[in-house]
Each structure stands twice: as C-alpha cells, then as structure tokens.
Amino acid sequence: LPLKMFEDPKLAIEGDRAAWLSAWHTEREWLNAVHRTRYSNGIIGLAEYFRPWQPEGVPAEFRIAPEADWPLLERFSARLRASVEPDILLLANYGWNFNVRSFNPGGNHGSFFRISTHSVLMFAGAGVPAGLAIDQPYDSLNFVPTLLSLAGRPATGYPAPPIAGLATVK
C-alpha cells in the first residue's frame, strides 16, 4: 500500500488499523501515530500538498486599512497565496542525495523517510530543566512559541503550542 502505513509495525495506534486509518484525525494525532514509521512525514506532507488553500478573510496585517478596502485586500491576499502554490512535487528515492557538497544519505529533505525529519533542538539556561528529554514529536511551528514562553513572553496566537515540559504558556 502507498507509504506502507498499514504494514508498518511502528505505526502507533491502538485497535483496528483499518478503522483508524479510515477515520478523520487531526494533524497532531497523525504526527503522534506516524512519527516513528519509515515514512513518518509522508501523510502530513501529502495532506498539506494536496489540501487546497481556503482564504480566511482579510489577514491581520491588512486590517489596519479601512474596512471598505477589505474585499480588494482579500483578493490580493488570495493572489499572493496562489503565486506560491506548488506546481510539482518532487520526492527522493531512498538513498538519494540532494546535497551536492557533501554526502548525507536521505537527510537533506526531499523525501518522506524518517531520516529527513531528524533535527536536534537543545536549550540550556534559566528555566530549562536539566536533562529533560522530550519524547513527543514536534515540528518547526512549535519553535517560536517555545522561545517566547522561555523568555516569559506570551506565546499565544501561533499555529502550534510551546513544547510541553520545556515551556509554560503564560
């Protein structure tokens, strides 16, 4: 089957796999379920790639303009988004290397393999628990809210929360 999700022994779900894979789940539920599988970022990556963008009204940065201009600004925002929609999806085969300067097998983005998702994030200093290891998967959307929370600043209004156990939302 595509991405071998059904067969992967590291798919972290309980109960009937067919039923779970046939049901709707949040992005966080998918990330928790697939982060140890061979194609860990495949499901979320494909969903993000194929999901059509839906405008959500006038972006906050444009709301300083008079409300009469909002329809035009909404069209402008939609055109900006359309200009960056992908035209092609290019995936690397296992062992392929996009980095021409040095060899780093599979870890240079461009694949749905788990190795392409590995990165290390380390913090030290006041308010950071010594020796803390985070075992739940996170993505780059958690980075800024975590930094803000560690700095004692509000970390609300971002698309993801701070990393649990490392920072506290204030």
N, C-alpha and C. Protein backbone atom coordinates (compact mmCIF):
# COMPACT_ATOMS: atom_id res chain seq x y z
N LEU A 1 0.84 -1.18 0.00
CA LEU A 1 0.00 0.00 0.00
C LEU A 1 0.88 1.24 0.00
N PRO A 2 0.38 2.37 -0.49
CA PRO A 2 1.19 3.59 -0.52
C PRO A 2 1.72 3.96 0.86
N LEU A 3 2.97 4.33 0.89
CA LEU A 3 3.69 4.72 2.10
C LEU A 3 3.80 3.61 3.15
N LYS A 4 3.27 2.44 2.84
CA LYS A 4 3.37 1.28 3.73
C LYS A 4 2.91 1.59 5.17
N MET A 5 1.97 2.50 5.34
CA MET A 5 1.48 2.85 6.67
C MET A 5 0.78 1.68 7.34
N PHE A 6 -0.06 1.00 6.59
CA PHE A 6 -0.84 -0.09 7.17
C PHE A 6 0.06 -1.20 7.68
N GLU A 7 1.14 -1.48 6.96
CA GLU A 7 2.03 -2.57 7.30
C GLU A 7 3.10 -2.21 8.31
N ASP A 8 3.35 -0.93 8.52
CA ASP A 8 4.47 -0.50 9.35
C ASP A 8 4.23 -0.87 10.82
N PRO A 9 5.13 -1.68 11.41
CA PRO A 9 4.94 -2.08 12.81
C PRO A 9 5.10 -0.93 13.80
N LYS A 10 5.69 0.18 13.37
CA LYS A 10 5.89 1.31 14.28
C LYS A 10 4.77 2.34 14.21
N LEU A 11 3.70 2.03 13.48
CA LEU A 11 2.53 2.90 13.47
C LEU A 11 1.89 2.84 14.85
N ALA A 12 1.88 3.95 15.56
CA ALA A 12 1.47 3.99 16.97
C ALA A 12 -0.02 4.27 17.11
N ILE A 13 -0.82 3.26 16.83
CA ILE A 13 -2.27 3.36 17.04
C ILE A 13 -2.73 2.13 17.81
N GLU A 14 -3.84 2.29 18.49
CA GLU A 14 -4.41 1.16 19.22
C GLU A 14 -5.66 0.71 18.51
N GLY A 15 -5.90 -0.58 18.54
CA GLY A 15 -7.11 -1.11 17.94
C GLY A 15 -6.94 -1.44 16.47
N ASP A 16 -8.06 -1.42 15.79
CA ASP A 16 -8.13 -1.81 14.38
C ASP A 16 -7.45 -0.78 13.48
N ARG A 17 -6.40 -1.18 12.80
CA ARG A 17 -5.66 -0.27 11.92
C ARG A 17 -6.53 0.25 10.78
N ALA A 18 -7.29 -0.63 10.18
CA ALA A 18 -8.12 -0.23 9.04
C ALA A 18 -9.12 0.83 9.47
N ALA A 19 -9.74 0.64 10.62
CA ALA A 19 -10.72 1.61 11.10
C ALA A 19 -10.03 2.94 11.43
N TRP A 20 -8.88 2.88 12.10
CA TRP A 20 -8.19 4.11 12.47
C TRP A 20 -7.74 4.86 11.22
N LEU A 21 -7.16 4.16 10.27
CA LEU A 21 -6.66 4.81 9.06
C LEU A 21 -7.79 5.32 8.18
N SER A 22 -9.00 4.80 8.35
CA SER A 22 -10.14 5.25 7.55
C SER A 22 -10.85 6.44 8.17
N ALA A 23 -10.52 6.75 9.40
CA ALA A 23 -11.20 7.84 10.12
C ALA A 23 -10.44 9.16 9.96
N TRP A 24 -11.12 10.25 10.31
CA TRP A 24 -10.52 11.57 10.26
C TRP A 24 -9.73 11.78 11.54
N HIS A 25 -8.54 12.42 11.43
CA HIS A 25 -7.70 12.72 12.58
C HIS A 25 -7.06 14.09 12.41
N THR A 26 -6.75 14.70 13.52
CA THR A 26 -6.06 15.99 13.48
C THR A 26 -4.61 15.78 13.05
N GLU A 27 -3.96 16.87 12.68
CA GLU A 27 -2.55 16.78 12.30
C GLU A 27 -1.71 16.27 13.47
N ARG A 28 -2.01 16.71 14.68
CA ARG A 28 -1.29 16.25 15.87
C ARG A 28 -1.47 14.74 16.06
N GLU A 29 -2.68 14.22 15.88
CA GLU A 29 -2.92 12.77 16.01
C GLU A 29 -2.12 11.99 14.98
N TRP A 30 -2.07 12.50 13.74
CA TRP A 30 -1.28 11.84 12.70
C TRP A 30 0.20 11.87 13.06
N LEU A 31 0.69 13.01 13.51
CA LEU A 31 2.10 13.12 13.87
C LEU A 31 2.46 12.15 14.98
N ASN A 32 1.61 12.06 16.01
CA ASN A 32 1.86 11.13 17.10
C ASN A 32 1.84 9.68 16.62
N ALA A 33 0.97 9.37 15.68
CA ALA A 33 0.84 7.99 15.19
C ALA A 33 1.97 7.59 14.26
N VAL A 34 2.44 8.49 13.43
CA VAL A 34 3.39 8.10 12.38
C VAL A 34 4.84 8.53 12.61
N HIS A 35 5.15 9.25 13.67
CA HIS A 35 6.49 9.83 13.77
C HIS A 35 7.62 8.81 13.87
N ARG A 36 7.36 7.58 14.19
CA ARG A 36 8.41 6.56 14.23
C ARG A 36 8.37 5.61 13.03
N THR A 37 7.44 5.83 12.12
CA THR A 37 7.35 4.97 10.95
C THR A 37 8.40 5.33 9.91
N ARG A 38 8.58 4.46 8.93
CA ARG A 38 9.59 4.71 7.89
C ARG A 38 9.27 5.98 7.11
N TYR A 39 8.01 6.19 6.80
CA TYR A 39 7.58 7.38 6.04
C TYR A 39 6.88 8.36 6.97
N SER A 40 7.56 8.75 8.02
CA SER A 40 6.92 9.49 9.11
C SER A 40 6.27 10.79 8.69
N ASN A 41 6.86 11.53 7.79
CA ASN A 41 6.24 12.80 7.41
C ASN A 41 5.46 12.71 6.12
N GLY A 42 5.26 11.51 5.60
CA GLY A 42 4.56 11.34 4.34
C GLY A 42 3.09 11.73 4.38
N ILE A 43 2.38 11.25 5.37
CA ILE A 43 0.95 11.53 5.45
C ILE A 43 0.69 13.02 5.59
N ILE A 44 1.36 13.65 6.51
CA ILE A 44 1.15 15.08 6.73
C ILE A 44 1.63 15.89 5.53
N GLY A 45 2.75 15.49 4.96
CA GLY A 45 3.28 16.18 3.79
C GLY A 45 2.34 16.11 2.60
N LEU A 46 1.80 14.92 2.34
CA LEU A 46 0.86 14.78 1.23
C LEU A 46 -0.44 15.53 1.49
N ALA A 47 -0.92 15.46 2.72
CA ALA A 47 -2.16 16.20 3.04
C ALA A 47 -1.95 17.69 2.85
N GLU A 48 -0.81 18.19 3.27
CA GLU A 48 -0.51 19.61 3.11
C GLU A 48 -0.38 19.98 1.64
N TYR A 49 0.23 19.10 0.88
CA TYR A 49 0.45 19.37 -0.55
C TYR A 49 -0.86 19.42 -1.32
N PHE A 50 -1.74 18.47 -1.05
CA PHE A 50 -2.97 18.36 -1.84
C PHE A 50 -4.15 19.17 -1.28
N ARG A 51 -4.03 19.64 -0.05
CA ARG A 51 -5.14 20.40 0.54
C ARG A 51 -5.23 21.77 -0.13
N PRO A 52 -6.37 22.09 -0.71
CA PRO A 52 -6.49 23.42 -1.32
C PRO A 52 -6.52 24.50 -0.24
N TRP A 53 -5.88 25.60 -0.54
CA TRP A 53 -5.88 26.71 0.41
C TRP A 53 -7.22 27.41 0.37
N GLN A 54 -7.76 27.66 1.52
CA GLN A 54 -9.03 28.37 1.63
C GLN A 54 -8.77 29.70 2.31
N PRO A 55 -9.12 30.80 1.65
CA PRO A 55 -8.90 32.10 2.30
C PRO A 55 -9.75 32.22 3.56
N GLU A 56 -9.18 32.85 4.55
CA GLU A 56 -9.88 33.01 5.83
C GLU A 56 -10.21 34.47 6.08
N GLY A 57 -10.54 35.18 5.05
CA GLY A 57 -10.85 36.58 5.20
C GLY A 57 -9.60 37.42 5.04
N VAL A 58 -9.65 38.61 5.54
CA VAL A 58 -8.54 39.55 5.41
C VAL A 58 -7.49 39.22 6.47
N PRO A 59 -6.24 39.04 6.06
CA PRO A 59 -5.19 38.77 7.04
C PRO A 59 -5.05 39.91 8.04
N ALA A 60 -4.60 39.59 9.23
CA ALA A 60 -4.49 40.58 10.30
C ALA A 60 -3.64 41.78 9.90
N GLU A 61 -2.57 41.54 9.14
CA GLU A 61 -1.68 42.66 8.79
C GLU A 61 -2.34 43.66 7.85
N PHE A 62 -3.43 43.26 7.19
CA PHE A 62 -4.14 44.18 6.30
C PHE A 62 -5.32 44.89 6.99
N ARG A 63 -5.65 44.48 8.20
CA ARG A 63 -6.83 45.03 8.87
C ARG A 63 -6.65 46.45 9.35
N ILE A 64 -5.48 47.00 9.19
CA ILE A 64 -5.28 48.41 9.55
C ILE A 64 -5.88 49.32 8.47
N ALA A 65 -6.14 48.75 7.31
CA ALA A 65 -6.73 49.51 6.21
C ALA A 65 -8.22 49.74 6.48
N PRO A 66 -8.82 50.74 5.85
CA PRO A 66 -10.26 50.96 6.02
C PRO A 66 -11.05 49.71 5.59
N GLU A 67 -12.12 49.43 6.28
CA GLU A 67 -12.91 48.22 6.01
C GLU A 67 -13.44 48.19 4.58
N ALA A 68 -13.64 49.33 3.97
CA ALA A 68 -14.11 49.38 2.58
C ALA A 68 -13.09 48.75 1.62
N ASP A 69 -11.82 48.74 2.01
CA ASP A 69 -10.76 48.17 1.17
C ASP A 69 -10.57 46.67 1.39
N TRP A 70 -11.23 46.08 2.37
CA TRP A 70 -11.00 44.68 2.72
C TRP A 70 -11.29 43.71 1.58
N PRO A 71 -12.36 43.88 0.80
CA PRO A 71 -12.57 42.93 -0.31
C PRO A 71 -11.39 42.92 -1.30
N LEU A 72 -10.86 44.08 -1.61
CA LEU A 72 -9.71 44.15 -2.50
C LEU A 72 -8.48 43.50 -1.86
N LEU A 73 -8.27 43.74 -0.57
CA LEU A 73 -7.14 43.17 0.13
C LEU A 73 -7.27 41.65 0.26
N GLU A 74 -8.50 41.16 0.39
CA GLU A 74 -8.71 39.71 0.45
C GLU A 74 -8.35 39.07 -0.89
N ARG A 75 -8.73 39.73 -2.00
CA ARG A 75 -8.35 39.23 -3.32
C ARG A 75 -6.84 39.27 -3.50
N PHE A 76 -6.22 40.35 -3.03
CA PHE A 76 -4.77 40.48 -3.11
C PHE A 76 -4.08 39.37 -2.33
N SER A 77 -4.58 39.09 -1.13
CA SER A 77 -4.02 38.02 -0.30
C SER A 77 -4.16 36.67 -0.99
N ALA A 78 -5.29 36.42 -1.61
CA ALA A 78 -5.50 35.16 -2.33
C ALA A 78 -4.54 35.03 -3.52
N ARG A 79 -4.28 36.13 -4.21
CA ARG A 79 -3.34 36.11 -5.33
C ARG A 79 -1.91 35.87 -4.85
N LEU A 80 -1.56 36.46 -3.71
CA LEU A 80 -0.24 36.21 -3.14
C LEU A 80 -0.06 34.74 -2.83
N ARG A 81 -1.08 34.14 -2.22
CA ARG A 81 -1.02 32.72 -1.87
C ARG A 81 -0.95 31.85 -3.13
N ALA A 82 -1.73 32.18 -4.12
CA ALA A 82 -1.74 31.39 -5.36
C ALA A 82 -0.39 31.44 -6.06
N SER A 83 0.33 32.53 -5.89
CA SER A 83 1.63 32.65 -6.56
C SER A 83 2.68 31.74 -5.96
N VAL A 84 2.45 31.21 -4.76
CA VAL A 84 3.42 30.30 -4.15
C VAL A 84 2.90 28.86 -4.03
N GLU A 85 1.78 28.57 -4.66
CA GLU A 85 1.27 27.19 -4.67
C GLU A 85 2.24 26.32 -5.46
N PRO A 86 2.50 25.10 -5.00
CA PRO A 86 3.46 24.25 -5.71
C PRO A 86 2.91 23.80 -7.07
N ASP A 87 3.81 23.71 -8.03
CA ASP A 87 3.47 23.21 -9.36
C ASP A 87 3.89 21.76 -9.53
N ILE A 88 4.82 21.33 -8.71
CA ILE A 88 5.36 19.99 -8.85
C ILE A 88 5.74 19.46 -7.47
N LEU A 89 5.60 18.18 -7.29
CA LEU A 89 6.03 17.53 -6.07
C LEU A 89 7.15 16.58 -6.45
N LEU A 90 8.33 16.80 -5.91
CA LEU A 90 9.50 16.01 -6.21
C LEU A 90 9.92 15.26 -4.96
N LEU A 91 9.96 13.95 -5.04
CA LEU A 91 10.35 13.13 -3.89
C LEU A 91 11.59 12.33 -4.24
N ALA A 92 12.44 12.17 -3.27
CA ALA A 92 13.68 11.41 -3.48
C ALA A 92 13.47 9.95 -3.15
N ASN A 93 14.10 9.08 -3.92
CA ASN A 93 14.12 7.67 -3.63
C ASN A 93 15.06 7.43 -2.45
N TYR A 94 14.92 6.32 -1.77
CA TYR A 94 15.76 6.03 -0.62
C TYR A 94 17.23 6.07 -1.02
N GLY A 95 18.04 6.79 -0.26
CA GLY A 95 19.46 6.91 -0.54
C GLY A 95 19.82 8.04 -1.47
N TRP A 96 18.84 8.69 -2.07
CA TRP A 96 19.13 9.81 -2.97
C TRP A 96 19.65 10.97 -2.15
N ASN A 97 20.48 11.78 -2.74
CA ASN A 97 21.12 12.86 -2.02
C ASN A 97 21.01 14.15 -2.82
N PHE A 98 20.30 15.14 -2.31
CA PHE A 98 20.17 16.42 -2.97
C PHE A 98 21.34 17.36 -2.64
N ASN A 99 22.15 16.99 -1.67
CA ASN A 99 23.26 17.84 -1.25
C ASN A 99 24.49 17.52 -2.09
N VAL A 100 24.87 18.41 -2.99
CA VAL A 100 25.99 18.14 -3.88
C VAL A 100 27.34 18.45 -3.22
N ARG A 101 27.35 19.08 -2.08
CA ARG A 101 28.60 19.47 -1.44
C ARG A 101 29.18 18.37 -0.56
N SER A 102 28.31 17.63 0.09
CA SER A 102 28.79 16.55 0.95
C SER A 102 27.72 15.47 1.01
N PHE A 103 28.12 14.29 1.44
CA PHE A 103 27.19 13.18 1.45
C PHE A 103 26.44 13.12 2.77
N ASN A 104 25.16 13.06 2.69
CA ASN A 104 24.28 12.95 3.85
C ASN A 104 23.09 12.13 3.40
N PRO A 105 23.17 10.81 3.42
CA PRO A 105 22.15 9.97 2.79
C PRO A 105 20.76 10.13 3.39
N GLY A 106 19.86 10.63 2.60
CA GLY A 106 18.46 10.70 2.99
C GLY A 106 18.10 11.83 3.92
N GLY A 107 19.04 12.61 4.40
CA GLY A 107 18.72 13.62 5.39
C GLY A 107 18.73 15.03 4.86
N ASN A 108 18.50 15.22 3.61
CA ASN A 108 18.55 16.55 3.01
C ASN A 108 17.20 17.01 2.49
N HIS A 109 16.18 16.65 3.17
CA HIS A 109 14.82 16.99 2.75
C HIS A 109 14.51 16.30 1.42
N GLY A 110 13.34 16.43 0.94
CA GLY A 110 13.02 15.86 -0.35
C GLY A 110 12.54 14.44 -0.29
N SER A 111 12.38 13.88 0.90
CA SER A 111 11.85 12.53 0.97
C SER A 111 10.83 12.46 2.10
N PHE A 112 10.08 11.38 2.11
CA PHE A 112 9.12 11.16 3.19
C PHE A 112 9.69 10.21 4.24
N PHE A 113 10.98 9.90 4.14
CA PHE A 113 11.59 9.00 5.09
C PHE A 113 11.86 9.69 6.42
N ARG A 114 11.87 8.90 7.48
CA ARG A 114 12.04 9.42 8.83
C ARG A 114 13.34 10.21 8.97
N ILE A 115 14.41 9.78 8.32
CA ILE A 115 15.69 10.46 8.45
C ILE A 115 15.60 11.93 8.02
N SER A 116 14.70 12.25 7.11
CA SER A 116 14.56 13.63 6.63
C SER A 116 13.89 14.53 7.65
N THR A 117 13.35 13.95 8.70
CA THR A 117 12.68 14.76 9.71
C THR A 117 13.53 14.98 10.94
N HIS A 118 14.69 14.36 11.01
CA HIS A 118 15.52 14.45 12.21
C HIS A 118 16.18 15.81 12.35
N SER A 119 16.05 16.36 13.49
CA SER A 119 16.78 17.56 13.85
C SER A 119 16.89 17.59 15.37
N VAL A 120 17.89 18.24 15.84
CA VAL A 120 18.14 18.31 17.28
C VAL A 120 17.89 19.74 17.72
N LEU A 121 17.19 19.89 18.81
CA LEU A 121 16.91 21.19 19.39
C LEU A 121 17.37 21.14 20.84
N MET A 122 18.31 21.98 21.20
CA MET A 122 18.84 21.98 22.56
C MET A 122 18.68 23.36 23.19
N PHE A 123 18.32 23.36 24.43
CA PHE A 123 18.22 24.59 25.21
C PHE A 123 18.99 24.41 26.50
N ALA A 124 19.54 25.49 27.02
CA ALA A 124 20.17 25.49 28.33
C ALA A 124 20.00 26.88 28.91
N GLY A 125 19.90 26.95 30.22
CA GLY A 125 19.79 28.24 30.86
C GLY A 125 18.69 28.26 31.89
N ALA A 126 18.43 29.44 32.40
CA ALA A 126 17.43 29.62 33.45
C ALA A 126 16.06 29.16 32.96
N GLY A 127 15.39 28.38 33.75
CA GLY A 127 14.04 27.93 33.43
C GLY A 127 13.99 26.67 32.59
N VAL A 128 15.14 26.19 32.12
CA VAL A 128 15.16 24.96 31.32
C VAL A 128 15.57 23.82 32.24
N PRO A 129 14.69 22.82 32.40
CA PRO A 129 15.03 21.69 33.28
C PRO A 129 16.26 20.94 32.77
N ALA A 130 17.21 20.68 33.65
CA ALA A 130 18.43 19.96 33.27
C ALA A 130 18.09 18.50 32.95
N GLY A 131 18.63 18.00 31.85
CA GLY A 131 18.47 16.60 31.49
C GLY A 131 17.11 16.22 30.95
N LEU A 132 16.28 17.17 30.67
CA LEU A 132 14.95 16.87 30.15
C LEU A 132 15.03 16.32 28.73
N ALA A 133 14.39 15.21 28.49
CA ALA A 133 14.31 14.63 27.14
C ALA A 133 12.85 14.63 26.73
N ILE A 134 12.56 15.17 25.58
CA ILE A 134 11.20 15.25 25.06
C ILE A 134 10.99 14.05 24.14
N ASP A 135 9.98 13.24 24.41
CA ASP A 135 9.76 12.06 23.57
C ASP A 135 8.58 12.20 22.62
N GLN A 136 7.83 13.27 22.75
CA GLN A 136 6.71 13.52 21.83
C GLN A 136 7.25 14.27 20.62
N PRO A 137 6.74 13.95 19.42
CA PRO A 137 7.24 14.66 18.24
C PRO A 137 6.70 16.09 18.17
N TYR A 138 7.53 16.96 17.67
CA TYR A 138 7.15 18.36 17.44
C TYR A 138 7.66 18.77 16.08
N ASP A 139 7.14 19.87 15.57
CA ASP A 139 7.65 20.37 14.29
C ASP A 139 8.10 21.81 14.46
N SER A 140 8.52 22.41 13.38
CA SER A 140 9.11 23.75 13.46
C SER A 140 8.11 24.81 13.91
N LEU A 141 6.82 24.54 13.81
CA LEU A 141 5.82 25.52 14.25
C LEU A 141 5.84 25.71 15.77
N ASN A 142 6.42 24.78 16.49
CA ASN A 142 6.50 24.88 17.95
C ASN A 142 7.69 25.71 18.42
N PHE A 143 8.61 26.03 17.52
CA PHE A 143 9.87 26.68 17.90
C PHE A 143 9.65 28.09 18.48
N VAL A 144 9.00 28.96 17.75
CA VAL A 144 8.82 30.35 18.20
C VAL A 144 7.99 30.42 19.48
N PRO A 145 6.85 29.72 19.58
CA PRO A 145 6.12 29.77 20.85
C PRO A 145 6.95 29.26 22.04
N THR A 146 7.82 28.29 21.81
CA THR A 146 8.67 27.78 22.88
C THR A 146 9.68 28.84 23.32
N LEU A 147 10.31 29.49 22.35
CA LEU A 147 11.27 30.56 22.70
C LEU A 147 10.58 31.69 23.45
N LEU A 148 9.41 32.09 22.98
CA LEU A 148 8.68 33.16 23.65
C LEU A 148 8.32 32.77 25.08
N SER A 149 7.86 31.55 25.24
CA SER A 149 7.49 31.08 26.57
C SER A 149 8.69 31.04 27.51
N LEU A 150 9.83 30.56 27.00
CA LEU A 150 11.04 30.54 27.82
C LEU A 150 11.49 31.95 28.20
N ALA A 151 11.23 32.92 27.34
CA ALA A 151 11.60 34.30 27.61
C ALA A 151 10.57 35.02 28.47
N GLY A 152 9.52 34.29 28.87
CA GLY A 152 8.50 34.89 29.71
C GLY A 152 7.52 35.77 28.95
N ARG A 153 7.46 35.62 27.65
CA ARG A 153 6.56 36.41 26.81
C ARG A 153 5.33 35.59 26.46
N PRO A 154 4.21 36.23 26.12
CA PRO A 154 3.02 35.48 25.71
C PRO A 154 3.30 34.66 24.44
N ALA A 155 2.88 33.42 24.46
CA ALA A 155 3.10 32.53 23.32
C ALA A 155 1.78 32.10 22.70
N THR A 156 0.84 33.02 22.68
CA THR A 156 -0.48 32.71 22.12
C THR A 156 -0.60 33.31 20.73
N GLY A 157 -1.54 32.79 19.96
CA GLY A 157 -1.79 33.30 18.62
C GLY A 157 -0.92 32.66 17.56
N TYR A 158 -0.18 31.63 17.91
CA TYR A 158 0.65 30.91 16.95
C TYR A 158 -0.04 29.61 16.55
N PRO A 159 0.31 29.04 15.41
CA PRO A 159 -0.39 27.84 14.96
C PRO A 159 -0.08 26.58 15.77
N ALA A 160 0.90 26.64 16.66
CA ALA A 160 1.24 25.48 17.48
C ALA A 160 1.62 25.96 18.87
N PRO A 161 1.48 25.10 19.86
CA PRO A 161 1.83 25.49 21.23
C PRO A 161 3.32 25.33 21.49
N PRO A 162 3.80 25.88 22.63
CA PRO A 162 5.18 25.62 23.02
C PRO A 162 5.38 24.13 23.31
N ILE A 163 6.62 23.70 23.31
CA ILE A 163 6.94 22.30 23.60
C ILE A 163 6.61 22.01 25.05
N ALA A 164 5.76 21.03 25.28
CA ALA A 164 5.31 20.68 26.62
C ALA A 164 6.47 20.18 27.46
N GLY A 165 6.50 20.59 28.72
CA GLY A 165 7.56 20.18 29.62
C GLY A 165 8.77 21.09 29.57
N LEU A 166 8.94 21.81 28.48
CA LEU A 166 10.08 22.70 28.34
C LEU A 166 9.66 24.13 28.66
N ALA A 167 8.45 24.47 28.30
CA ALA A 167 7.98 25.84 28.47
C ALA A 167 6.53 25.82 28.94
N THR A 168 6.15 26.88 29.58
CA THR A 168 4.78 27.02 30.06
C THR A 168 4.14 28.21 29.39
N VAL A 169 2.96 28.01 28.82
CA VAL A 169 2.24 29.11 28.19
C VAL A 169 1.80 30.07 29.27
N LYS A 170 2.12 31.35 29.09
CA LYS A 170 1.75 32.35 30.10
C LYS A 170 0.68 33.26 29.56
